[in-house]
Amino acid sequence: MDLIVQPQRAPLRGIVPVPADKSITHRAILFAALADGTSRVVAESAGEDNRSTLAAIRALGVEAEVGASEMTISGRGLEGLREPAAPLDCGNSGTTMRLFAGVLAAQRFRSVLVGDESLSKRPMARVATPLRLRGARIEGRLDPKRPGDLTAPLEIGPLPAPHVLSEISYDLPIPTAQVKSALLLSGLWAAGATSVSEPLVSRDHTERMLSSLGVPIERVGSVVALDPAAFSGRLPAFEIKVPGDPSAAAFLVAAALLVPGSEVGVRSVGLNPTRTGFFDLVRLMGGQLAAQAHGDEVGEPFGEIAARHGGLVAVSAGGETVVRAIDEIPVLCALAARARGTTIIADARELRVKESDRIAAMATVLRAFGVACEEQPDGMVIEGNPDGPLRAATVDAASDHRIAMSAALLGLVADGESRVTGADSIATSFPRFAGTLRALGADVRAVSSG
């Protein structure tokens, strides 16, 4: 699938929903599978990544009924998973692979985690190493491009005798919620405490949800700990209406900021502070953005966001703000293309090992639209071009949903028709992206590639 994007001649206007938060939905499905009893998870427009997690719990013996936007999951408890008959296909979802590594590390059966071509290139030693340190058996394929690293397929278990994971205190070399979550999940079966320290605090959905389900989680600064001695050994069934994904909302906010005269609102969006770095950066750029909290779901705050077009200025982004905006850096690049001045993005080396090398991919996209930029090892320097339209372009999304959507937004402010090839990947996180933009007044359509 390709996207055809016409220059936007009129303001974008409206209040729209976004898909359920992908990160929270992964965890809700997995925790429901491990709970005692039947849980209900309402997740609007869940994408392909979440369906990979759902398929994995089914393969482990968990029954799940799935409707248009609701899942009813009959949990098997912490000791009830069964050996899968075939490798568990995680698709393109790094979250699925790394979180399940933490769960499967504690099981007395063997399992294999596989993924698509993109996921099979992503680094997995970062999760295998600490799990091995607490006694798990994990084998992977040696990475020919990164000596000492591993990639999928991952063969996990069975857990050697005495069939109990040990305590661990682990310092993560980089902030990563997926590895932190894998260690905390494995701690549910451990004989001693699990303590994880990060250089900067990454998203905390796992901690919030486990705590809301009665698991003793403590955080002091950037250290989070789970003590099984104070844990009942059971997770209760629960109900959750997953808030909208702030990463998806970022693209609609950016569309409003880019197109003159636009006013766009997004309802029921997650407002977890470990995920709102992009919105903080928008405000630093002078963007007109308002957020109103309305409540919380299983420890996750949510509310409404409204954005309005206005002049943007360049910004320097790095440190903990980039950690809280790591998935939104591609769309931040799109905003930087129209900001006055030079935007500097640093401390984002992790983008090199996402679904694509997002630093290299966005540099290619920006240059195609006539925006001057320079790659850095851990980021980018972007010269804003706020005066006049950008140059229309045909660009390759590099099989990456966030690159595809960022490129589509740049097409809205180009001087002619633009084309984003390989946009199938958008279904990973925002299946109705093109339709949502059309609902706001944009001329964006999907066509068959080739």
Protein backbone atom coordinates (compact mmCIF):
# COMPACT_ATOMS: atom_id res chain seq x y z
CA MET A 1 0.00 0.00 0.00
CA ASP A 2 1.13 3.53 -0.82
CA LEU A 3 -0.27 6.83 0.43
CA ILE A 4 -1.06 9.63 -2.00
CA VAL A 5 -1.03 13.01 -0.23
CA GLN A 6 -2.27 16.26 -1.77
CA PRO A 7 -1.19 19.69 -0.51
CA GLN A 8 -3.60 20.93 2.11
CA ARG A 9 -5.49 24.00 0.86
CA ALA A 10 -7.88 24.40 3.82
CA PRO A 11 -7.52 24.12 7.59
CA LEU A 12 -7.86 20.75 9.31
CA ARG A 13 -10.68 20.78 11.83
CA GLY A 14 -12.41 18.30 14.12
CA ILE A 15 -12.25 16.20 17.26
CA VAL A 16 -11.30 12.59 16.62
CA PRO A 17 -10.30 9.41 18.49
CA VAL A 18 -7.05 7.51 18.13
CA PRO A 19 -6.35 3.78 18.56
CA ALA A 20 -5.91 2.38 22.04
CA ASP A 21 -2.44 2.83 23.48
CA LYS A 22 -0.37 0.03 21.98
CA SER A 23 1.99 -0.30 24.96
CA ILE A 24 -0.81 -0.51 27.52
CA THR A 25 -2.82 -2.93 25.39
CA HIS A 26 0.15 -5.33 25.14
CA ARG A 27 0.39 -5.39 28.91
CA ALA A 28 -3.34 -5.65 29.51
CA ILE A 29 -3.57 -8.71 27.25
CA LEU A 30 -0.56 -10.38 28.88
CA PHE A 31 -1.60 -9.63 32.47
CA ALA A 32 -5.14 -10.84 31.75
CA ALA A 33 -3.64 -14.12 30.52
CA LEU A 34 -1.72 -14.48 33.80
CA ALA A 35 -4.65 -13.46 36.03
CA ASP A 36 -7.06 -15.73 37.87
CA GLY A 37 -10.48 -15.35 36.25
CA THR A 38 -11.94 -13.54 33.29
CA SER A 39 -10.75 -10.06 32.37
CA ARG A 40 -12.26 -7.57 29.93
CA VAL A 41 -10.01 -5.37 27.82
CA VAL A 42 -11.59 -2.64 25.68
CA ALA A 43 -9.08 -1.43 23.10
CA GLU A 44 -10.36 0.62 20.18
CA SER A 45 -8.70 -0.07 16.80
CA ALA A 46 -5.93 -2.25 18.19
CA GLY A 47 -3.19 -2.68 15.60
CA GLU A 48 -1.23 -5.64 14.27
CA ASP A 49 1.34 -5.54 17.08
CA ASN A 50 -1.35 -6.12 19.69
CA ARG A 51 -2.78 -8.96 17.63
CA SER A 52 0.64 -10.62 17.83
CA THR A 53 0.43 -10.54 21.63
CA LEU A 54 -3.11 -11.92 21.51
CA ALA A 55 -2.04 -14.78 19.23
CA ALA A 56 0.85 -15.58 21.59
CA ILE A 57 -1.34 -15.97 24.70
CA ARG A 58 -3.71 -18.21 22.73
CA ALA A 59 -0.79 -20.39 21.69
CA LEU A 60 0.08 -20.71 25.38
CA GLY A 61 -3.36 -22.13 26.16
CA VAL A 62 -5.27 -18.98 27.10
CA GLU A 63 -8.83 -18.60 25.80
CA ALA A 64 -9.76 -15.20 24.40
CA GLU A 65 -12.92 -13.98 22.72
CA VAL A 66 -12.40 -10.95 20.51
CA GLY A 67 -15.01 -8.50 19.30
CA ALA A 68 -14.74 -5.30 17.30
CA SER A 69 -13.12 -3.39 20.15
CA GLU A 70 -13.32 -5.71 23.15
CA MET A 71 -11.43 -8.78 24.34
CA THR A 72 -12.62 -11.21 27.00
CA ILE A 73 -9.64 -13.19 28.27
CA SER A 74 -9.88 -16.22 30.55
CA GLY A 75 -6.67 -16.12 32.55
CA ARG A 76 -4.83 -19.30 33.55
CA GLY A 77 -2.92 -17.88 36.51
CA LEU A 78 0.83 -17.68 36.95
CA GLU A 79 1.25 -21.46 36.82
CA GLY A 80 -1.23 -22.29 34.08
CA LEU A 81 0.53 -21.58 30.79
CA ARG A 82 1.13 -24.60 28.57
CA GLU A 83 3.91 -25.43 26.14
CA PRO A 84 3.17 -24.02 22.68
CA ALA A 85 2.93 -26.44 19.78
CA ALA A 86 4.82 -24.12 17.42
CA PRO A 87 7.07 -21.05 17.59
CA LEU A 88 5.32 -17.92 18.89
CA ASP A 89 5.20 -15.40 16.04
CA CYS A 90 5.69 -11.88 17.39
CA GLY A 91 5.31 -10.30 13.95
CA ASN A 92 6.88 -6.83 14.00
CA SER A 93 6.40 -6.31 17.73
CA GLY A 94 9.54 -5.90 19.81
CA THR A 95 7.34 -5.36 22.87
CA THR A 96 5.71 -8.76 22.39
CA MET A 97 9.06 -10.53 22.04
CA ARG A 98 10.79 -8.88 24.99
CA LEU A 99 7.87 -9.03 27.44
CA PHE A 100 7.19 -12.67 26.64
CA ALA A 101 10.89 -13.42 27.10
CA GLY A 102 10.45 -12.35 30.72
CA VAL A 103 7.39 -14.56 31.23
CA LEU A 104 8.70 -17.60 29.37
CA ALA A 105 12.06 -17.47 31.14
CA ALA A 106 10.29 -18.75 34.28
CA GLN A 107 8.46 -21.67 32.65
CA ARG A 108 9.37 -25.36 32.84
CA PHE A 109 8.75 -25.87 29.13
CA ARG A 110 10.61 -24.87 25.98
CA SER A 111 9.36 -22.13 23.70
CA VAL A 112 10.65 -20.25 20.67
CA LEU A 113 9.98 -16.61 19.82
CA VAL A 114 10.19 -15.58 16.15
CA GLY A 115 9.39 -12.39 14.26
CA ASP A 116 9.26 -10.85 10.82
CA GLU A 117 12.35 -9.78 8.89
CA SER A 118 12.55 -6.43 10.66
CA LEU A 119 12.10 -7.78 14.20
CA SER A 120 14.60 -10.55 13.47
CA LYS A 121 17.31 -7.89 13.10
CA ARG A 122 16.64 -6.08 16.37
CA PRO A 123 19.00 -6.47 19.37
CA MET A 124 17.93 -9.08 21.92
CA ALA A 125 21.05 -9.55 24.08
CA ARG A 126 19.80 -6.60 26.11
CA VAL A 127 16.95 -8.76 27.42
CA ALA A 128 18.66 -12.17 27.27
CA THR A 129 21.68 -11.13 29.33
CA PRO A 130 19.91 -10.05 32.55
CA LEU A 131 17.45 -12.96 32.35
CA ARG A 132 20.38 -15.37 32.08
CA LEU A 133 21.95 -13.72 35.11
CA ARG A 134 18.94 -14.78 37.17
CA GLY A 135 19.07 -18.38 35.91
CA ALA A 136 17.02 -18.43 32.72
CA ARG A 137 18.01 -20.40 29.62
CA ILE A 138 17.87 -18.22 26.49
CA GLU A 139 19.62 -18.84 23.19
CA GLY A 140 19.51 -16.68 20.08
CA ARG A 141 21.20 -16.15 16.76
CA LEU A 142 24.54 -14.33 16.82
CA ASP A 143 24.19 -10.92 15.21
CA PRO A 144 26.67 -10.59 12.31
CA LYS A 145 26.52 -6.78 12.40
CA ARG A 146 26.78 -6.26 16.17
CA PRO A 147 29.42 -8.58 17.68
CA GLY A 148 28.28 -9.99 20.99
CA ASP A 149 24.61 -9.29 20.35
CA LEU A 150 21.77 -11.72 19.67
CA THR A 151 18.75 -11.64 17.41
CA ALA A 152 15.62 -13.76 17.08
CA PRO A 153 14.69 -16.55 16.92
CA LEU A 154 14.98 -16.82 20.70
CA GLU A 155 14.81 -20.29 22.22
CA ILE A 156 13.75 -20.01 25.86
CA GLY A 157 13.61 -22.63 28.61
CA PRO A 158 12.89 -24.97 30.09
CA LEU A 159 13.96 -23.34 33.36
CA PRO A 160 16.67 -25.57 34.86
CA ALA A 161 16.31 -27.13 38.33
CA PRO A 162 15.50 -26.02 40.96
CA HIS A 163 13.03 -24.29 38.58
CA VAL A 164 13.15 -20.92 40.35
CA LEU A 165 14.67 -17.69 39.11
CA SER A 166 17.06 -15.96 41.47
CA GLU A 167 16.95 -12.43 42.78
CA ILE A 168 18.62 -9.75 40.71
CA SER A 169 19.72 -6.14 40.99
CA TYR A 170 20.45 -4.91 37.47
CA ASP A 171 21.64 -1.60 36.08
CA LEU A 172 20.27 -1.03 32.59
CA PRO A 173 22.90 0.58 30.36
CA ILE A 174 20.17 2.46 28.47
CA PRO A 175 16.61 3.35 29.49
CA THR A 176 14.32 0.71 27.99
CA ALA A 177 10.82 -0.07 29.21
CA GLN A 178 10.73 -3.39 27.36
CA VAL A 179 13.75 -4.86 29.17
CA LYS A 180 12.70 -3.35 32.49
CA SER A 181 9.27 -4.92 32.04
CA ALA A 182 10.72 -8.31 31.12
CA LEU A 183 12.77 -8.34 34.33
CA LEU A 184 9.83 -7.26 36.48
CA LEU A 185 7.57 -9.88 34.90
CA SER A 186 10.15 -12.62 35.47
CA GLY A 187 10.26 -11.42 39.08
CA LEU A 188 6.71 -12.71 39.61
CA TRP A 189 8.22 -16.23 39.66
CA ALA A 190 11.53 -15.39 41.37
CA ALA A 191 12.74 -16.55 44.78
CA GLY A 192 14.08 -13.11 45.63
CA ALA A 193 13.62 -9.45 44.85
CA THR A 194 13.94 -7.84 41.44
CA SER A 195 15.55 -4.40 41.31
CA VAL A 196 16.10 -2.50 38.08
CA SER A 197 17.95 0.81 37.77
CA GLU A 198 17.80 3.01 34.68
CA PRO A 199 19.97 5.98 33.72
CA LEU A 200 16.70 7.82 32.97
CA VAL A 201 13.12 6.76 33.71
CA SER A 202 11.49 5.04 30.74
CA ARG A 203 7.73 4.54 30.33
CA ASP A 204 6.21 2.93 33.40
CA HIS A 205 3.07 1.15 32.17
CA THR A 206 4.17 -2.21 33.60
CA GLU A 207 4.80 -0.78 37.05
CA ARG A 208 1.49 1.08 37.12
CA MET A 209 -0.55 -1.91 36.02
CA LEU A 210 1.18 -4.42 38.31
CA SER A 211 0.78 -2.06 41.25
CA SER A 212 -2.93 -1.58 40.51
CA LEU A 213 -3.30 -5.40 40.54
CA GLY A 214 -1.76 -5.69 44.00
CA VAL A 215 1.85 -6.53 43.13
CA PRO A 216 4.27 -4.84 45.56
CA ILE A 217 6.15 -2.38 43.34
CA GLU A 218 8.33 0.39 44.78
CA ARG A 219 10.06 3.20 42.92
CA VAL A 220 12.77 5.49 44.24
CA GLY A 221 14.03 7.84 41.56
CA SER A 222 15.09 5.74 38.59
CA VAL A 223 15.13 2.46 40.55
CA VAL A 224 12.09 0.19 40.56
CA ALA A 225 11.81 -2.95 42.69
CA LEU A 226 9.45 -5.91 43.07
CA ASP A 227 9.55 -7.97 46.28
CA PRO A 228 7.80 -11.35 45.84
CA ALA A 229 7.86 -11.92 49.61
CA ALA A 230 4.98 -9.46 49.90
CA PHE A 231 3.14 -10.83 46.83
CA SER A 232 0.18 -13.21 47.11
CA GLY A 233 1.23 -15.08 43.98
CA ARG A 234 -2.02 -14.26 42.22
CA LEU A 235 -3.15 -11.54 39.85
CA PRO A 236 -6.86 -10.70 40.05
CA ALA A 237 -9.02 -10.45 36.94
CA PHE A 238 -9.73 -6.87 35.90
CA GLU A 239 -11.46 -4.58 33.44
CA ILE A 240 -9.79 -1.78 31.53
CA LYS A 241 -10.77 0.64 28.80
CA VAL A 242 -7.38 1.38 27.34
CA PRO A 243 -6.75 5.12 26.79
CA GLY A 244 -5.89 6.41 23.35
CA ASP A 245 -2.28 6.17 22.21
CA PRO A 246 -0.37 9.44 22.71
CA SER A 247 2.07 8.33 20.01
CA ALA A 248 -0.80 8.18 17.52
CA ALA A 249 -2.22 11.45 18.82
CA ALA A 250 1.16 13.10 18.16
CA PHE A 251 0.60 12.80 14.40
CA LEU A 252 -2.76 14.56 14.58
CA VAL A 253 -1.35 17.26 16.84
CA ALA A 254 1.49 17.74 14.37
CA ALA A 255 -0.93 17.94 11.44
CA ALA A 256 -2.75 20.80 13.18
CA LEU A 257 0.51 22.59 13.92
CA LEU A 258 1.70 22.27 10.32
CA VAL A 259 -1.41 23.32 8.37
CA PRO A 260 -2.36 27.03 8.68
CA GLY A 261 -5.68 27.75 10.38
CA SER A 262 -6.09 24.21 11.73
CA GLU A 263 -7.69 23.26 15.04
CA VAL A 264 -7.68 19.57 16.00
CA GLY A 265 -8.77 17.79 19.16
CA VAL A 266 -8.09 14.21 20.26
CA ARG A 267 -10.29 12.62 22.91
CA SER A 268 -9.50 10.03 25.59
CA VAL A 269 -5.73 10.12 25.13
CA GLY A 270 -3.28 8.66 27.63
CA LEU A 271 -1.50 11.38 29.61
CA ASN A 272 1.06 9.24 31.44
CA PRO A 273 3.95 11.67 32.13
CA THR A 274 6.53 9.11 30.97
CA ARG A 275 4.90 9.37 27.51
CA THR A 276 4.31 13.11 27.13
CA GLY A 277 7.78 14.29 26.17
CA PHE A 278 6.62 15.12 22.64
CA PHE A 279 3.89 17.41 23.94
CA ASP A 280 6.42 19.15 26.19
CA LEU A 281 8.69 19.69 23.19
CA VAL A 282 5.78 21.08 21.16
CA ARG A 283 5.20 23.69 23.85
CA LEU A 284 8.91 24.57 23.84
CA MET A 285 8.60 25.11 20.08
CA GLY A 286 5.82 27.61 20.70
CA GLY A 287 3.08 25.24 19.60
CA GLN A 288 -0.43 25.98 20.84
CA LEU A 289 -1.38 22.83 22.74
CA ALA A 290 -3.74 22.23 25.65
CA ALA A 291 -4.38 19.03 27.64
CA GLN A 292 -7.19 18.37 30.11
CA ALA A 293 -7.09 15.30 32.40
CA HIS A 294 -10.38 13.44 32.90
CA GLY A 295 -9.54 10.39 35.04
CA ASP A 296 -7.51 7.20 35.03
CA GLU A 297 -7.79 3.53 34.03
CA VAL A 298 -5.83 0.93 36.03
CA GLY A 299 -3.42 3.64 37.12
CA GLU A 300 -3.17 5.30 33.69
CA PRO A 301 -4.30 8.96 33.44
CA PHE A 302 -6.18 10.07 30.34
CA GLY A 303 -7.87 13.17 28.97
CA GLU A 304 -8.30 15.39 25.92
CA ILE A 305 -5.72 17.22 23.84
CA ALA A 306 -6.34 20.20 21.56
CA ALA A 307 -3.85 21.75 19.15
CA ARG A 308 -3.99 24.85 16.97
CA HIS A 309 -1.74 26.07 14.19
CA GLY A 310 0.86 28.70 15.01
CA GLY A 311 4.43 29.60 14.21
CA LEU A 312 7.03 27.14 15.47
CA VAL A 313 10.59 27.83 16.56
CA ALA A 314 13.52 25.45 16.64
CA VAL A 315 14.35 23.52 19.79
CA SER A 316 17.20 21.49 21.28
CA ALA A 317 15.93 18.11 22.48
CA GLY A 318 17.88 15.62 24.55
CA GLY A 319 18.12 13.82 27.88
CA GLU A 320 15.02 12.64 29.70
CA THR A 321 12.66 14.53 27.39
CA VAL A 322 13.85 12.47 24.43
CA VAL A 323 13.43 9.28 26.47
CA ARG A 324 9.80 10.31 27.08
CA ALA A 325 9.37 11.10 23.38
CA ILE A 326 11.45 8.37 21.75
CA ASP A 327 8.63 7.02 19.55
CA GLU A 328 7.62 10.53 18.49
CA ILE A 329 11.04 11.74 17.33
CA PRO A 330 10.21 11.08 13.64
CA VAL A 331 7.15 13.34 13.82
CA LEU A 332 9.18 15.89 15.80
CA CYS A 333 11.50 15.93 12.78
CA ALA A 334 8.50 16.79 10.61
CA LEU A 335 7.70 19.75 12.86
CA ALA A 336 11.36 20.82 12.88
CA ALA A 337 11.20 20.97 9.08
CA ARG A 338 8.75 23.88 9.41
CA ALA A 339 10.19 25.54 12.52
CA ARG A 340 12.21 28.73 12.30
CA GLY A 341 15.85 28.04 13.15
CA THR A 342 17.97 24.95 13.67
CA THR A 343 16.58 22.04 15.66
CA ILE A 344 19.06 19.74 17.38
CA ILE A 345 18.01 16.25 18.48
CA ALA A 346 20.45 14.29 20.68
CA ASP A 347 20.50 11.27 23.01
CA ALA A 348 18.32 9.31 20.56
CA ARG A 349 20.75 6.57 19.53
CA GLU A 350 18.04 4.00 20.32
CA LEU A 351 16.28 5.11 17.11
CA ARG A 352 19.02 3.33 15.16
CA VAL A 353 17.60 -0.08 16.18
CA LYS A 354 13.85 0.41 15.89
CA GLU A 355 11.71 -1.00 13.05
CA SER A 356 14.15 0.87 10.83
CA ASP A 357 17.14 3.08 11.47
CA ARG A 358 14.82 6.00 12.11
CA ILE A 359 17.57 8.60 12.15
CA ALA A 360 18.78 7.58 8.69
CA ALA A 361 15.25 7.06 7.37
CA MET A 362 13.99 10.48 8.51
CA ALA A 363 17.09 12.18 7.14
CA THR A 364 16.31 10.64 3.75
CA VAL A 365 12.67 11.73 3.96
CA LEU A 366 13.51 15.29 4.98
CA ARG A 367 16.03 15.72 2.17
CA ALA A 368 13.51 14.40 -0.34
CA PHE A 369 11.15 17.21 0.71
CA GLY A 370 13.95 19.77 0.34
CA VAL A 371 14.78 20.15 4.04
CA ALA A 372 18.47 20.44 4.95
CA CYS A 373 19.55 18.11 7.73
CA GLU A 374 22.62 16.34 9.07
CA GLU A 375 22.72 12.96 10.75
CA GLN A 376 24.50 12.60 14.07
CA PRO A 377 25.36 9.26 15.73
CA ASP A 378 22.60 9.83 18.29
CA GLY A 379 20.31 12.29 16.54
CA MET A 380 20.00 14.94 13.88
CA VAL A 381 20.44 18.62 13.09
CA ILE A 382 17.57 20.05 11.03
CA GLU A 383 17.43 23.45 9.31
CA GLY A 384 13.83 24.61 9.40
CA ASN A 385 12.11 25.81 6.22
CA PRO A 386 9.04 27.72 7.45
CA ASP A 387 8.61 30.00 4.43
CA GLY A 388 6.80 28.62 1.41
CA PRO A 389 5.82 25.03 0.68
CA LEU A 390 8.17 22.09 0.78
CA ARG A 391 9.15 20.24 -2.38
CA ALA A 392 6.72 17.43 -3.25
CA ALA A 393 8.37 14.03 -3.09
CA THR A 394 8.03 10.29 -3.45
CA VAL A 395 9.58 8.63 -0.42
CA ASP A 396 10.06 5.11 0.90
CA ALA A 397 8.69 4.45 4.39
CA ALA A 398 11.40 1.83 5.05
CA SER A 399 8.66 -0.53 6.29
CA ASP A 400 8.28 1.67 9.37
CA HIS A 401 4.88 2.99 10.44
CA ARG A 402 6.21 6.11 12.13
CA ILE A 403 8.36 7.06 9.14
CA ALA A 404 5.36 6.56 6.83
CA MET A 405 3.06 8.78 8.89
CA SER A 406 5.69 11.49 9.37
CA ALA A 407 6.30 11.60 5.62
CA ALA A 408 2.56 11.89 4.97
CA LEU A 409 2.38 14.97 7.20
CA LEU A 410 5.20 16.63 5.27
CA GLY A 411 3.21 15.97 2.11
CA LEU A 412 0.39 18.13 3.50
CA VAL A 413 2.64 21.21 3.26
CA ALA A 414 4.37 20.36 -0.04
CA ASP A 415 3.94 22.10 -3.40
CA GLY A 416 2.34 19.16 -5.18
CA GLU A 417 1.22 15.56 -4.88
CA SER A 418 3.48 13.40 -2.70
CA ARG A 419 3.64 9.62 -2.46
CA VAL A 420 4.69 7.46 0.51
CA THR A 421 5.55 3.97 -0.65
CA GLY A 422 5.38 0.89 1.54
CA ALA A 423 2.81 2.39 3.88
CA ASP A 424 1.33 -1.00 4.84
CA SER A 425 3.32 -0.74 8.08
CA ILE A 426 0.94 1.95 9.36
CA ALA A 427 -1.46 -0.86 10.32
CA THR A 428 1.03 -1.77 13.06
CA SER A 429 -0.15 1.12 15.24
CA PHE A 430 -2.73 3.35 13.50
CA PRO A 431 -4.85 1.31 11.05
CA ARG A 432 -7.23 4.23 10.36
CA PHE A 433 -4.56 6.90 9.96
CA ALA A 434 -5.50 7.95 6.42
CA GLY A 435 -9.21 7.84 7.23
CA THR A 436 -8.73 9.96 10.34
CA LEU A 437 -6.84 12.60 8.37
CA ARG A 438 -9.65 12.59 5.78
CA ALA A 439 -12.19 13.10 8.59
CA LEU A 440 -10.26 16.25 9.50
CA GLY A 441 -10.40 17.48 5.90
CA ALA A 442 -7.15 16.18 4.38
CA ASP A 443 -6.86 14.67 0.92
CA VAL A 444 -4.95 11.48 1.75
CA ARG A 445 -5.76 8.15 0.14
CA ALA A 446 -4.35 4.66 0.13
CA VAL A 447 -3.63 2.96 -3.20
CA SER A 448 -2.12 -0.35 -4.20
CA SER A 449 1.63 -0.09 -4.63
CA GLY A 450 3.21 -0.70 -8.00
